[in-house]
Amino acid sequence: MTEFRPNWGVDGFHLTQAAWSLRRGGVVAHATEGVWGLACDPFNAHAVGKLLRLKSRDTAKGLILIGADASCFAGELEALDADSLGRVLASWPGPVSWAVPNQRFAVWITGQHTSVVIRVPGHAQAQALCSTFGGPLVSTSANLRGRASTSDVLKVRKWFGDRLDYYLPGRTGARTRPSEIRTLTGRILR
């Protein structure tokens, strides 16, 4: 993980508070391109476990990771052939997540898969959250199992209340659904 450097740009205070919560093992609600997400530190098993319990999500499903830029996933990207790397980088920043061979993430991130799903979001605040935190973050939709993802933070507050450690003020982007997930073979998983 890179050294922490406060981001005093747009929403600097709130970004710093959110990153502090994440570093302490917390779960943070944040806006993305189309829906609200829940973020935590992917290297903290306790934090990931808390997030999974909050959502009632099966560990076997795996989780999506987001990063401020492609360098957050250098190990994963270095393992790709030139064609695959070109397709991944051409889609970022944006709402496309890629299942790539896992190089360093624990089973609590990958679930039953040998791949890890990564993205550099096209949402400026989501990128800034990763940057302020200093590395990649888990980012999964902020909904309970069986409920649709939402762009309404009031629903997120109703579902999770004070069980979340921080609500990062923000707005979702114009997309109407979660990110697309692709494999390197071109298959669309979501």
C-alpha atoms as a PDB file:
ATOM      1  CA  MET A   1       0.000   0.000   0.000  1.00  0.00           C
ATOM      2  CA  THR A   2       1.253   3.477  -0.770  1.00  0.00           C
ATOM      3  CA  GLU A   3       1.901   6.108   1.868  1.00  0.00           C
ATOM      4  CA  PHE A   4      -1.159   8.087   2.991  1.00  0.00           C
ATOM      5  CA  ARG A   5      -1.333  11.600   1.590  1.00  0.00           C
ATOM      6  CA  PRO A   6      -4.415  13.671   2.412  1.00  0.00           C
ATOM      7  CA  ASN A   7      -6.447  14.728  -0.598  1.00  0.00           C
ATOM      8  CA  TRP A   8      -7.537  18.303   0.099  1.00  0.00           C
ATOM      9  CA  GLY A   9      -9.344  18.717  -3.213  1.00  0.00           C
ATOM     10  CA  VAL A  10     -13.097  18.437  -3.619  1.00  0.00           C
ATOM     11  CA  ASP A  11     -14.615  16.945  -0.470  1.00  0.00           C
ATOM     12  CA  GLY A  12     -11.147  16.766   1.111  1.00  0.00           C
ATOM     13  CA  PHE A  13     -12.391  16.676   4.703  1.00  0.00           C
ATOM     14  CA  HIS A  14     -14.926  13.920   4.019  1.00  0.00           C
ATOM     15  CA  LEU A  15     -12.469  11.914   1.916  1.00  0.00           C
ATOM     16  CA  THR A  16      -9.930  12.072   4.733  1.00  0.00           C
ATOM     17  CA  GLN A  17     -12.547  10.971   7.294  1.00  0.00           C
ATOM     18  CA  ALA A  18     -13.671   8.107   5.045  1.00  0.00           C
ATOM     19  CA  ALA A  19     -10.078   6.945   4.472  1.00  0.00           C
ATOM     20  CA  TRP A  20      -9.425   7.078   8.223  1.00  0.00           C
ATOM     21  CA  SER A  21     -12.474   4.855   8.800  1.00  0.00           C
ATOM     22  CA  LEU A  22     -11.274   2.419   6.115  1.00  0.00           C
ATOM     23  CA  ARG A  23      -7.790   2.200   7.639  1.00  0.00           C
ATOM     24  CA  ARG A  24      -9.356   1.323  11.000  1.00  0.00           C
ATOM     25  CA  GLY A  25     -11.218  -1.632   9.468  1.00  0.00           C
ATOM     26  CA  GLY A  26     -14.453   0.207   8.754  1.00  0.00           C
ATOM     27  CA  VAL A  27     -17.009  -0.075   5.991  1.00  0.00           C
ATOM     28  CA  VAL A  28     -17.843   3.136   4.105  1.00  0.00           C
ATOM     29  CA  ALA A  29     -20.803   3.943   1.844  1.00  0.00           C
ATOM     30  CA  HIS A  30     -19.749   5.853  -1.286  1.00  0.00           C
ATOM     31  CA  ALA A  31     -21.131   6.888  -4.655  1.00  0.00           C
ATOM     32  CA  THR A  32     -20.041   5.244  -7.919  1.00  0.00           C
ATOM     33  CA  GLU A  33     -20.887   5.649 -11.600  1.00  0.00           C
ATOM     34  CA  GLY A  34     -24.459   4.390 -11.181  1.00  0.00           C
ATOM     35  CA  VAL A  35     -25.169   3.075  -7.683  1.00  0.00           C
ATOM     36  CA  TRP A  36     -24.084   3.464  -4.079  1.00  0.00           C
ATOM     37  CA  GLY A  37     -21.314   1.135  -3.000  1.00  0.00           C
ATOM     38  CA  LEU A  38     -19.780  -0.220   0.176  1.00  0.00           C
ATOM     39  CA  ALA A  39     -15.999   0.007   0.459  1.00  0.00           C
ATOM     40  CA  CYS A  40     -13.450  -1.586   2.772  1.00  0.00           C
ATOM     41  CA  ASP A  41      -9.745  -2.472   2.867  1.00  0.00           C
ATOM     42  CA  PRO A  42      -9.243  -5.649   0.773  1.00  0.00           C
ATOM     43  CA  PHE A  43      -6.218  -6.664   2.860  1.00  0.00           C
ATOM     44  CA  ASN A  44      -8.144  -6.559   6.164  1.00  0.00           C
ATOM     45  CA  ALA A  45      -9.982  -9.865   6.681  1.00  0.00           C
ATOM     46  CA  HIS A  46     -12.005  -8.417   9.576  1.00  0.00           C
ATOM     47  CA  ALA A  47     -13.231  -5.488   7.442  1.00  0.00           C
ATOM     48  CA  VAL A  48     -14.146  -7.753   4.514  1.00  0.00           C
ATOM     49  CA  GLY A  49     -15.952 -10.117   6.890  1.00  0.00           C
ATOM     50  CA  LYS A  50     -17.924  -7.206   8.324  1.00  0.00           C
ATOM     51  CA  LEU A  51     -18.925  -6.050   4.833  1.00  0.00           C
ATOM     52  CA  LEU A  52     -20.031  -9.570   3.860  1.00  0.00           C
ATOM     53  CA  ARG A  53     -22.104  -9.919   7.040  1.00  0.00           C
ATOM     54  CA  LEU A  54     -23.743  -6.518   6.495  1.00  0.00           C
ATOM     55  CA  LYS A  55     -24.850  -7.558   2.996  1.00  0.00           C
ATOM     56  CA  SER A  56     -25.549 -11.200   3.913  1.00  0.00           C
ATOM     57  CA  ARG A  57     -23.292 -11.997   0.956  1.00  0.00           C
ATOM     58  CA  ASP A  58     -21.770 -15.422   0.349  1.00  0.00           C
ATOM     59  CA  THR A  59     -17.953 -15.344   0.525  1.00  0.00           C
ATOM     60  CA  ALA A  60     -17.750 -17.728  -2.440  1.00  0.00           C
ATOM     61  CA  LYS A  61     -19.079 -15.052  -4.826  1.00  0.00           C
ATOM     62  CA  GLY A  62     -15.973 -12.863  -4.587  1.00  0.00           C
ATOM     63  CA  LEU A  63     -15.796  -9.076  -4.568  1.00  0.00           C
ATOM     64  CA  ILE A  64     -14.900  -6.249  -6.965  1.00  0.00           C
ATOM     65  CA  LEU A  65     -11.879  -4.049  -6.299  1.00  0.00           C
ATOM     66  CA  ILE A  66     -11.499  -0.448  -7.449  1.00  0.00           C
ATOM     67  CA  GLY A  67      -8.365   1.669  -7.669  1.00  0.00           C
ATOM     68  CA  ALA A  68      -7.484   5.301  -8.296  1.00  0.00           C
ATOM     69  CA  ASP A  69      -5.570   4.338 -11.440  1.00  0.00           C
ATOM     70  CA  ALA A  70      -4.132   1.294 -13.195  1.00  0.00           C
ATOM     71  CA  SER A  71      -0.994   1.317 -11.005  1.00  0.00           C
ATOM     72  CA  CYS A  72      -3.141   0.002  -8.124  1.00  0.00           C
ATOM     73  CA  PHE A  73      -3.313  -3.277 -10.057  1.00  0.00           C
ATOM     74  CA  ALA A  74       0.207  -3.372 -11.493  1.00  0.00           C
ATOM     75  CA  GLY A  75       0.835  -6.995 -10.499  1.00  0.00           C
ATOM     76  CA  GLU A  76      -2.376  -8.203 -12.085  1.00  0.00           C
ATOM     77  CA  LEU A  77      -1.890  -6.129 -15.240  1.00  0.00           C
ATOM     78  CA  GLU A  78       1.754  -7.202 -15.707  1.00  0.00           C
ATOM     79  CA  ALA A  79       0.551 -10.810 -16.018  1.00  0.00           C
ATOM     80  CA  LEU A  80      -1.641  -9.986 -19.053  1.00  0.00           C
ATOM     81  CA  ASP A  81      -0.696 -10.340 -22.699  1.00  0.00           C
ATOM     82  CA  ALA A  82      -0.447  -7.118 -24.725  1.00  0.00           C
ATOM     83  CA  ASP A  83      -3.872  -7.498 -26.377  1.00  0.00           C
ATOM     84  CA  SER A  84      -5.692  -8.122 -23.092  1.00  0.00           C
ATOM     85  CA  LEU A  85      -3.839  -5.299 -21.377  1.00  0.00           C
ATOM     86  CA  GLY A  86      -4.778  -2.926 -24.190  1.00  0.00           C
ATOM     87  CA  ARG A  87      -8.500  -3.790 -23.906  1.00  0.00           C
ATOM     88  CA  VAL A  88      -8.489  -3.363 -20.131  1.00  0.00           C
ATOM     89  CA  LEU A  89      -6.674  -0.027 -20.181  1.00  0.00           C
ATOM     90  CA  ALA A  90      -8.837   1.288 -23.039  1.00  0.00           C
ATOM     91  CA  SER A  91     -11.954   0.806 -20.872  1.00  0.00           C
ATOM     92  CA  TRP A  92     -10.589   2.740 -17.871  1.00  0.00           C
ATOM     93  CA  PRO A  93     -11.481   4.931 -16.186  1.00  0.00           C
ATOM     94  CA  GLY A  94     -15.035   3.762 -16.590  1.00  0.00           C
ATOM     95  CA  PRO A  95     -17.803   1.392 -15.533  1.00  0.00           C
ATOM     96  CA  VAL A  96     -16.120  -1.786 -16.831  1.00  0.00           C
ATOM     97  CA  SER A  97     -14.679  -4.286 -14.358  1.00  0.00           C
ATOM     98  CA  TRP A  98     -12.395  -7.082 -15.531  1.00  0.00           C
ATOM     99  CA  ALA A  99     -11.884 -10.606 -14.195  1.00  0.00           C
ATOM    100  CA  VAL A 100      -8.117 -11.116 -14.424  1.00  0.00           C
ATOM    101  CA  PRO A 101      -5.757 -13.770 -13.020  1.00  0.00           C
ATOM    102  CA  ASN A 102      -5.276 -13.180  -9.299  1.00  0.00           C
ATOM    103  CA  GLN A 103      -1.717 -12.341  -8.255  1.00  0.00           C
ATOM    104  CA  ARG A 104      -1.952 -11.261  -4.601  1.00  0.00           C
ATOM    105  CA  PHE A 105      -5.449 -11.082  -3.176  1.00  0.00           C
ATOM    106  CA  ALA A 106      -6.745 -13.462  -0.515  1.00  0.00           C
ATOM    107  CA  VAL A 107      -9.592 -15.934  -0.891  1.00  0.00           C
ATOM    108  CA  TRP A 108     -11.898 -13.570   1.001  1.00  0.00           C
ATOM    109  CA  ILE A 109     -11.658 -11.318  -2.098  1.00  0.00           C
ATOM    110  CA  THR A 110     -11.646 -13.907  -4.889  1.00  0.00           C
ATOM    111  CA  GLY A 111     -14.143 -16.326  -3.341  1.00  0.00           C
ATOM    112  CA  GLN A 112     -14.355 -19.553  -5.319  1.00  0.00           C
ATOM    113  CA  HIS A 113     -12.602 -18.010  -8.332  1.00  0.00           C
ATOM    114  CA  THR A 114      -8.967 -18.039  -9.459  1.00  0.00           C
ATOM    115  CA  SER A 115      -9.456 -14.542 -10.859  1.00  0.00           C
ATOM    116  CA  VAL A 116      -9.963 -11.175  -9.221  1.00  0.00           C
ATOM    117  CA  VAL A 117     -12.325  -8.508 -10.557  1.00  0.00           C
ATOM    118  CA  ILE A 118     -10.735  -5.038 -10.855  1.00  0.00           C
ATOM    119  CA  ARG A 119     -11.742  -1.578 -12.107  1.00  0.00           C
ATOM    120  CA  VAL A 120     -10.602   2.012 -12.263  1.00  0.00           C
ATOM    121  CA  PRO A 121     -13.933   3.807 -11.876  1.00  0.00           C
ATOM    122  CA  GLY A 122     -15.027   6.694 -14.028  1.00  0.00           C
ATOM    123  CA  HIS A 123     -16.469   8.384 -10.938  1.00  0.00           C
ATOM    124  CA  ALA A 124     -14.093  11.110  -9.701  1.00  0.00           C
ATOM    125  CA  GLN A 125     -15.008  10.773  -6.037  1.00  0.00           C
ATOM    126  CA  ALA A 126     -14.599   6.963  -6.079  1.00  0.00           C
ATOM    127  CA  GLN A 127     -11.131   7.468  -7.607  1.00  0.00           C
ATOM    128  CA  ALA A 128     -10.333  10.118  -4.983  1.00  0.00           C
ATOM    129  CA  LEU A 129     -11.429   7.781  -2.182  1.00  0.00           C
ATOM    130  CA  CYS A 130      -8.941   5.143  -3.396  1.00  0.00           C
ATOM    131  CA  SER A 131      -6.244   7.781  -3.784  1.00  0.00           C
ATOM    132  CA  THR A 132      -6.821   9.211  -0.310  1.00  0.00           C
ATOM    133  CA  PHE A 133      -6.892   5.706   1.177  1.00  0.00           C
ATOM    134  CA  GLY A 134      -3.652   4.895  -0.622  1.00  0.00           C
ATOM    135  CA  GLY A 135      -4.555   1.735  -2.516  1.00  0.00           C
ATOM    136  CA  PRO A 136      -7.281  -0.452  -3.944  1.00  0.00           C
ATOM    137  CA  LEU A 137     -10.601  -0.877  -2.153  1.00  0.00           C
ATOM    138  CA  VAL A 138     -13.372  -3.422  -2.148  1.00  0.00           C
ATOM    139  CA  SER A 139     -16.397  -1.772  -3.748  1.00  0.00           C
ATOM    140  CA  THR A 140     -19.632  -3.717  -3.856  1.00  0.00           C
ATOM    141  CA  SER A 141     -23.163  -2.421  -4.304  1.00  0.00           C
ATOM    142  CA  ALA A 142     -24.721  -1.049  -1.112  1.00  0.00           C
ATOM    143  CA  ASN A 143     -27.714  -3.336  -0.970  1.00  0.00           C
ATOM    144  CA  LEU A 144     -28.932  -6.283   1.029  1.00  0.00           C
ATOM    145  CA  ARG A 145     -29.106  -9.740  -0.533  1.00  0.00           C
ATOM    146  CA  GLY A 146     -32.237  -9.980  -2.638  1.00  0.00           C
ATOM    147  CA  ARG A 147     -32.672  -6.225  -3.062  1.00  0.00           C
ATOM    148  CA  ALA A 148     -31.764  -4.244  -6.145  1.00  0.00           C
ATOM    149  CA  SER A 149     -28.786  -1.889  -6.026  1.00  0.00           C
ATOM    150  CA  THR A 150     -29.728   1.765  -5.618  1.00  0.00           C
ATOM    151  CA  SER A 151     -28.696   5.280  -6.540  1.00  0.00           C
ATOM    152  CA  ASP A 152     -30.646   6.589  -3.515  1.00  0.00           C
ATOM    153  CA  VAL A 153     -28.486   7.159  -0.423  1.00  0.00           C
ATOM    154  CA  LEU A 154     -31.631   7.352   1.725  1.00  0.00           C
ATOM    155  CA  LYS A 155     -32.332   3.676   0.944  1.00  0.00           C
ATOM    156  CA  VAL A 156     -28.735   2.835   1.869  1.00  0.00           C
ATOM    157  CA  ARG A 157     -29.169   4.643   5.197  1.00  0.00           C
ATOM    158  CA  LYS A 158     -32.470   2.824   5.798  1.00  0.00           C
ATOM    159  CA  TRP A 159     -30.912  -0.585   5.088  1.00  0.00           C
ATOM    160  CA  PHE A 160     -27.657  -0.124   7.021  1.00  0.00           C
ATOM    161  CA  GLY A 161     -28.216   2.761   9.467  1.00  0.00           C
ATOM    162  CA  ASP A 162     -25.404   3.176  11.968  1.00  0.00           C
ATOM    163  CA  ARG A 163     -23.890  -0.241  11.179  1.00  0.00           C
ATOM    164  CA  LEU A 164     -21.718   1.511   8.571  1.00  0.00           C
ATOM    165  CA  ASP A 165     -18.686   3.427   9.789  1.00  0.00           C
ATOM    166  CA  TYR A 166     -19.025   6.388   7.431  1.00  0.00           C
ATOM    167  CA  TYR A 167     -21.266   7.759   4.703  1.00  0.00           C
ATOM    168  CA  LEU A 168     -19.158   9.701   2.211  1.00  0.00           C
ATOM    169  CA  PRO A 169     -21.339  12.565   0.927  1.00  0.00           C
ATOM    170  CA  GLY A 170     -21.626  12.408  -2.847  1.00  0.00           C
ATOM    171  CA  ARG A 171     -23.763  11.726  -5.885  1.00  0.00           C
ATOM    172  CA  THR A 172     -23.851   8.770  -8.186  1.00  0.00           C
ATOM    173  CA  GLY A 173     -23.094   9.224 -11.858  1.00  0.00           C
ATOM    174  CA  ALA A 174     -25.594   8.982 -14.694  1.00  0.00           C
ATOM    175  CA  ARG A 175     -25.476   5.189 -15.145  1.00  0.00           C
ATOM    176  CA  THR A 176     -28.618   3.328 -14.167  1.00  0.00           C
ATOM    177  CA  ARG A 177     -26.994   0.055 -13.104  1.00  0.00           C
ATOM    178  CA  PRO A 178     -23.805  -1.391 -11.590  1.00  0.00           C
ATOM    179  CA  SER A 179     -20.567  -1.774 -13.542  1.00  0.00           C
ATOM    180  CA  GLU A 180     -20.243  -4.353 -16.279  1.00  0.00           C
ATOM    181  CA  ILE A 181     -17.997  -7.338 -15.519  1.00  0.00           C
ATOM    182  CA  ARG A 182     -16.024  -8.841 -18.426  1.00  0.00           C
ATOM    183  CA  THR A 183     -13.605 -11.718 -18.786  1.00  0.00           C
ATOM    184  CA  LEU A 184     -10.450 -11.449 -20.869  1.00  0.00           C
ATOM    185  CA  THR A 185     -12.072 -13.764 -23.436  1.00  0.00           C
ATOM    186  CA  GLY A 186     -14.782 -11.142 -24.018  1.00  0.00           C
ATOM    187  CA  ARG A 187     -17.565 -12.841 -22.078  1.00  0.00           C
ATOM    188  CA  ILE A 188     -19.836 -10.416 -20.190  1.00  0.00           C
ATOM    189  CA  LEU A 189     -20.630 -11.773 -16.715  1.00  0.00           C
ATOM    190  CA  ARG A 190     -22.884  -8.872 -15.703  1.00  0.00           C
END
